[in-house]
């Protein structure tokens, strides 16, 4: 629903064929918060097992 709304209001409008991953994600993430699907960025320390 949010992706469709962004297309209809012109936020995600480009000529040609595009995947939604190619558009700016910020408007999508902002609308997630508005529609009851809050998200947060959690920064974690690197695992001692990763290089």
PDB file of N, CA and C in Angstrom:
ATOM      1  N   UNK A   1       0.812  -1.167   0.000  1.00  0.00           N
ATOM      2  CA  UNK A   1       0.000   0.000   0.000  1.00  0.00           C
ATOM      3  C   UNK A   1       0.870   1.251   0.000  1.00  0.00           C
ATOM      4  N   UNK A   2       1.946   1.260   0.766  1.00  0.00           N
ATOM      5  CA  UNK A   2       2.781   2.446   0.850  1.00  0.00           C
ATOM      6  C   UNK A   2       3.490   2.701  -0.486  1.00  0.00           C
ATOM      7  N   UNK A   3       3.999   1.665  -1.101  1.00  0.00           N
ATOM      8  CA  UNK A   3       4.642   1.826  -2.405  1.00  0.00           C
ATOM      9  C   UNK A   3       3.680   2.378  -3.444  1.00  0.00           C
ATOM     10  N   UNK A   4       2.449   1.896  -3.436  1.00  0.00           N
ATOM     11  CA  UNK A   4       1.435   2.401  -4.365  1.00  0.00           C
ATOM     12  C   UNK A   4       1.133   3.864  -4.089  1.00  0.00           C
ATOM     13  N   UNK A   5       1.038   4.245  -2.819  1.00  0.00           N
ATOM     14  CA  UNK A   5       0.769   5.640  -2.458  1.00  0.00           C
ATOM     15  C   UNK A   5       1.902   6.545  -2.944  1.00  0.00           C
ATOM     16  N   UNK A   6       3.143   6.101  -2.808  1.00  0.00           N
ATOM     17  CA  UNK A   6       4.282   6.900  -3.259  1.00  0.00           C
ATOM     18  C   UNK A   6       4.288   7.043  -4.778  1.00  0.00           C
ATOM     19  N   UNK A   7       3.817   6.039  -5.486  1.00  0.00           N
ATOM     20  CA  UNK A   7       3.717   6.146  -6.930  1.00  0.00           C
ATOM     21  C   UNK A   7       2.596   7.099  -7.317  1.00  0.00           C
ATOM     22  N   UNK A   8       1.464   7.002  -6.640  1.00  0.00           N
ATOM     23  CA  UNK A   8       0.315   7.843  -6.984  1.00  0.00           C
ATOM     24  C   UNK A   8       0.542   9.315  -6.657  1.00  0.00           C
ATOM     25  N   UNK A   9       1.275   9.595  -5.568  1.00  0.00           N
ATOM     26  CA  UNK A   9       1.495  11.009  -5.227  1.00  0.00           C
ATOM     27  C   UNK A   9       2.703  11.597  -5.955  1.00  0.00           C
ATOM     28  N   UNK A  10       3.388  10.796  -6.781  1.00  0.00           N
ATOM     29  CA  UNK A  10       4.483  11.290  -7.604  1.00  0.00           C
ATOM     30  C   UNK A  10       5.856  11.240  -6.967  1.00  0.00           C
ATOM     31  N   UNK A  11       5.951  10.758  -5.727  1.00  0.00           N
ATOM     32  CA  UNK A  11       7.250  10.665  -5.063  1.00  0.00           C
ATOM     33  C   UNK A  11       8.155   9.681  -5.789  1.00  0.00           C
ATOM     34  N   UNK A  12       7.593   8.553  -6.166  1.00  0.00           N
ATOM     35  CA  UNK A  12       8.347   7.534  -6.906  1.00  0.00           C
ATOM     36  C   UNK A  12       7.853   7.540  -8.353  1.00  0.00           C
ATOM     37  N   UNK A  13       8.322   8.482  -9.141  1.00  0.00           N
ATOM     38  CA  UNK A  13       7.898   8.546 -10.539  1.00  0.00           C
ATOM     39  C   UNK A  13       9.120   8.806 -11.412  1.00  0.00           C
ATOM     40  N   UNK A  14       9.476   7.865 -12.228  1.00  0.00           N
ATOM     41  CA  UNK A  14      10.581   7.973 -13.176  1.00  0.00           C
ATOM     42  C   UNK A  14      10.127   7.340 -14.488  1.00  0.00           C
ATOM     43  N   UNK A  15      10.700   7.790 -15.566  1.00  0.00           N
ATOM     44  CA  UNK A  15      10.389   7.190 -16.868  1.00  0.00           C
ATOM     45  C   UNK A  15      11.001   5.798 -16.943  1.00  0.00           C
ATOM     46  N   UNK A  16      10.301   4.886 -17.553  1.00  0.00           N
ATOM     47  CA  UNK A  16      10.825   3.537 -17.734  1.00  0.00           C
ATOM     48  C   UNK A  16      10.355   2.582 -16.656  1.00  0.00           C
ATOM     49  N   UNK A  17      11.036   1.458 -16.579  1.00  0.00           N
ATOM     50  CA  UNK A  17      10.691   0.396 -15.626  1.00  0.00           C
ATOM     51  C   UNK A  17      11.724   0.412 -14.502  1.00  0.00           C
ATOM     52  N   UNK A  18      11.254   0.478 -13.263  1.00  0.00           N
ATOM     53  CA  UNK A  18      12.118   0.557 -12.092  1.00  0.00           C
ATOM     54  C   UNK A  18      11.670  -0.457 -11.053  1.00  0.00           C
ATOM     55  N   UNK A  19      12.600  -0.975 -10.293  1.00  0.00           N
ATOM     56  CA  UNK A  19      12.280  -1.768  -9.102  1.00  0.00           C
ATOM     57  C   UNK A  19      12.147  -0.806  -7.933  1.00  0.00           C
ATOM     58  N   UNK A  20      11.321  -1.132  -6.955  1.00  0.00           N
ATOM     59  CA  UNK A  20      11.145  -0.212  -5.831  1.00  0.00           C
ATOM     60  C   UNK A  20      12.438   0.001  -5.050  1.00  0.00           C
ATOM     61  N   UNK A  21      13.354  -0.955  -5.104  1.00  0.00           N
ATOM     62  CA  UNK A  21      14.628  -0.827  -4.409  1.00  0.00           C
ATOM     63  C   UNK A  21      15.507   0.267  -5.012  1.00  0.00           C
ATOM     64  N   UNK A  22      15.206   0.706  -6.224  1.00  0.00           N
ATOM     65  CA  UNK A  22      15.997   1.728  -6.887  1.00  0.00           C
ATOM     66  C   UNK A  22      15.586   3.144  -6.475  1.00  0.00           C
ATOM     67  N   UNK A  23      14.449   3.288  -5.820  1.00  0.00           N
ATOM     68  CA  UNK A  23      13.978   4.601  -5.407  1.00  0.00           C
ATOM     69  C   UNK A  23      14.506   4.962  -4.026  1.00  0.00           C
ATOM     70  N   UNK A  24      14.434   6.249  -3.690  1.00  0.00           N
ATOM     71  CA  UNK A  24      14.840   6.739  -2.384  1.00  0.00           C
ATOM     72  C   UNK A  24      13.989   6.053  -1.302  1.00  0.00           C
ATOM     73  N   UNK A  25      14.601   5.368  -0.332  1.00  0.00           N
ATOM     74  CA  UNK A  25      13.824   4.642   0.674  1.00  0.00           C
ATOM     75  C   UNK A  25      13.264   5.529   1.781  1.00  0.00           C
ATOM     76  N   UNK A  26      13.771   6.750   1.938  1.00  0.00           N
ATOM     77  CA  UNK A  26      13.357   7.580   3.071  1.00  0.00           C
ATOM     78  C   UNK A  26      11.853   7.869   3.112  1.00  0.00           C
ATOM     79  N   UNK A  27      11.210   8.237   1.990  1.00  0.00           N
ATOM     80  CA  UNK A  27       9.760   8.449   2.064  1.00  0.00           C
ATOM     81  C   UNK A  27       8.998   7.175   2.464  1.00  0.00           C
ATOM     82  N   UNK A  28       9.467   6.033   1.979  1.00  0.00           N
ATOM     83  CA  UNK A  28       8.828   4.759   2.325  1.00  0.00           C
ATOM     84  C   UNK A  28       8.959   4.489   3.824  1.00  0.00           C
ATOM     85  N   UNK A  29      10.168   4.676   4.352  1.00  0.00           N
ATOM     86  CA  UNK A  29      10.397   4.413   5.775  1.00  0.00           C
ATOM     87  C   UNK A  29       9.618   5.390   6.648  1.00  0.00           C
ATOM     88  N   UNK A  30       9.494   6.652   6.213  1.00  0.00           N
ATOM     89  CA  UNK A  30       8.705   7.631   6.961  1.00  0.00           C
ATOM     90  C   UNK A  30       7.241   7.225   7.008  1.00  0.00           C
ATOM     91  N   UNK A  31       6.719   6.735   5.887  1.00  0.00           N
ATOM     92  CA  UNK A  31       5.307   6.321   5.862  1.00  0.00           C
ATOM     93  C   UNK A  31       5.082   5.059   6.692  1.00  0.00           C
ATOM     94  N   UNK A  32       6.096   4.198   6.817  1.00  0.00           N
ATOM     95  CA  UNK A  32       5.952   3.036   7.699  1.00  0.00           C
ATOM     96  C   UNK A  32       5.648   3.498   9.123  1.00  0.00           C
ATOM     97  N   UNK A  33       6.380   4.513   9.589  1.00  0.00           N
ATOM     98  CA  UNK A  33       6.136   5.045  10.930  1.00  0.00           C
ATOM     99  C   UNK A  33       4.728   5.621  11.054  1.00  0.00           C
ATOM    100  N   UNK A  34       4.269   6.340  10.032  1.00  0.00           N
ATOM    101  CA  UNK A  34       2.945   6.961  10.055  1.00  0.00           C
ATOM    102  C   UNK A  34       1.823   5.928  10.087  1.00  0.00           C
ATOM    103  N   UNK A  35       2.064   4.757   9.517  1.00  0.00           N
ATOM    104  CA  UNK A  35       1.021   3.735   9.404  1.00  0.00           C
ATOM    105  C   UNK A  35       1.162   2.616  10.436  1.00  0.00           C
ATOM    106  N   UNK A  36       1.854   2.900  11.519  1.00  0.00           N
ATOM    107  CA  UNK A  36       1.884   1.948  12.628  1.00  0.00           C
ATOM    108  C   UNK A  36       2.902   0.837  12.526  1.00  0.00           C
ATOM    109  N   UNK A  37       3.907   1.000  11.695  1.00  0.00           N
ATOM    110  CA  UNK A  37       4.964  -0.010  11.582  1.00  0.00           C
ATOM    111  C   UNK A  37       6.299   0.648  11.895  1.00  0.00           C
ATOM    112  N   UNK A  38       6.497   1.046  13.158  1.00  0.00           N
ATOM    113  CA  UNK A  38       7.721   1.788  13.496  1.00  0.00           C
ATOM    114  C   UNK A  38       8.973   0.946  13.310  1.00  0.00           C
ATOM    115  N   UNK A  39      10.052   1.625  13.009  1.00  0.00           N
ATOM    116  CA  UNK A  39      11.349   0.967  12.828  1.00  0.00           C
ATOM    117  C   UNK A  39      12.406   1.858  13.454  1.00  0.00           C
ATOM    118  N   UNK A  40      13.509   1.248  13.819  1.00  0.00           N
ATOM    119  CA  UNK A  40      14.627   1.953  14.419  1.00  0.00           C
ATOM    120  C   UNK A  40      15.922   1.330  13.913  1.00  0.00           C
ATOM    121  N   UNK A  41      16.969   2.130  13.816  1.00  0.00           N
ATOM    122  CA  UNK A  41      18.290   1.622  13.462  1.00  0.00           C
ATOM    123  C   UNK A  41      19.004   1.272  14.760  1.00  0.00           C
ATOM    124  N   UNK A  42      19.510   0.072  14.846  1.00  0.00           N
ATOM    125  CA  UNK A  42      20.233  -0.391  16.011  1.00  0.00           C
ATOM    126  C   UNK A  42      21.665  -0.691  15.589  1.00  0.00           C
ATOM    127  N   UNK A  43      22.587   0.104  16.083  1.00  0.00           N
ATOM    128  CA  UNK A  43      23.999  -0.112  15.769  1.00  0.00           C
ATOM    129  C   UNK A  43      24.562  -1.129  16.757  1.00  0.00           C
ATOM    130  N   UNK A  44      25.162  -2.167  16.248  1.00  0.00           N
ATOM    131  CA  UNK A  44      25.731  -3.221  17.080  1.00  0.00           C
ATOM    132  C   UNK A  44      27.245  -3.259  16.890  1.00  0.00           C
ATOM    133  N   UNK A  45      27.929  -3.655  17.936  1.00  0.00           N
ATOM    134  CA  UNK A  45      29.364  -3.841  17.814  1.00  0.00           C
ATOM    135  C   UNK A  45      29.633  -5.056  16.938  1.00  0.00           C
ATOM    136  N   UNK A  46      30.764  -5.029  16.274  1.00  0.00           N
ATOM    137  CA  UNK A  46      31.132  -6.153  15.406  1.00  0.00           C
ATOM    138  C   UNK A  46      31.364  -7.397  16.240  1.00  0.00           C
ATOM    139  N   UNK A  47      30.967  -8.501  15.719  1.00  0.00           N
ATOM    140  CA  UNK A  47      31.183  -9.784  16.369  1.00  0.00           C
ATOM    141  C   UNK A  47      32.680 -10.129  16.329  1.00  0.00           C
ATOM    142  N   UNK A  48      33.213 -10.756  17.375  1.00  0.00           N
ATOM    143  CA  UNK A  48      34.628 -11.149  17.331  1.00  0.00           C
ATOM    144  C   UNK A  48      34.885 -12.210  16.256  1.00  0.00           C
ATOM    145  N   UNK A  49      33.816 -12.800  15.709  1.00  0.00           N
ATOM    146  CA  UNK A  49      33.958 -13.842  14.707  1.00  0.00           C
ATOM    147  C   UNK A  49      33.958 -13.295  13.289  1.00  0.00           C
ATOM    148  N   UNK A  50      33.644 -12.001  13.117  1.00  0.00           N
ATOM    149  CA  UNK A  50      33.677 -11.420  11.776  1.00  0.00           C
ATOM    150  C   UNK A  50      35.053 -10.797  11.527  1.00  0.00           C
ATOM    151  N   UNK A  51      35.430 -10.763  10.301  1.00  0.00           N
ATOM    152  CA  UNK A  51      36.757 -10.223   9.969  1.00  0.00           C
ATOM    153  C   UNK A  51      36.659  -8.780   9.570  1.00  0.00           C
TER     154      UNK A  51
END
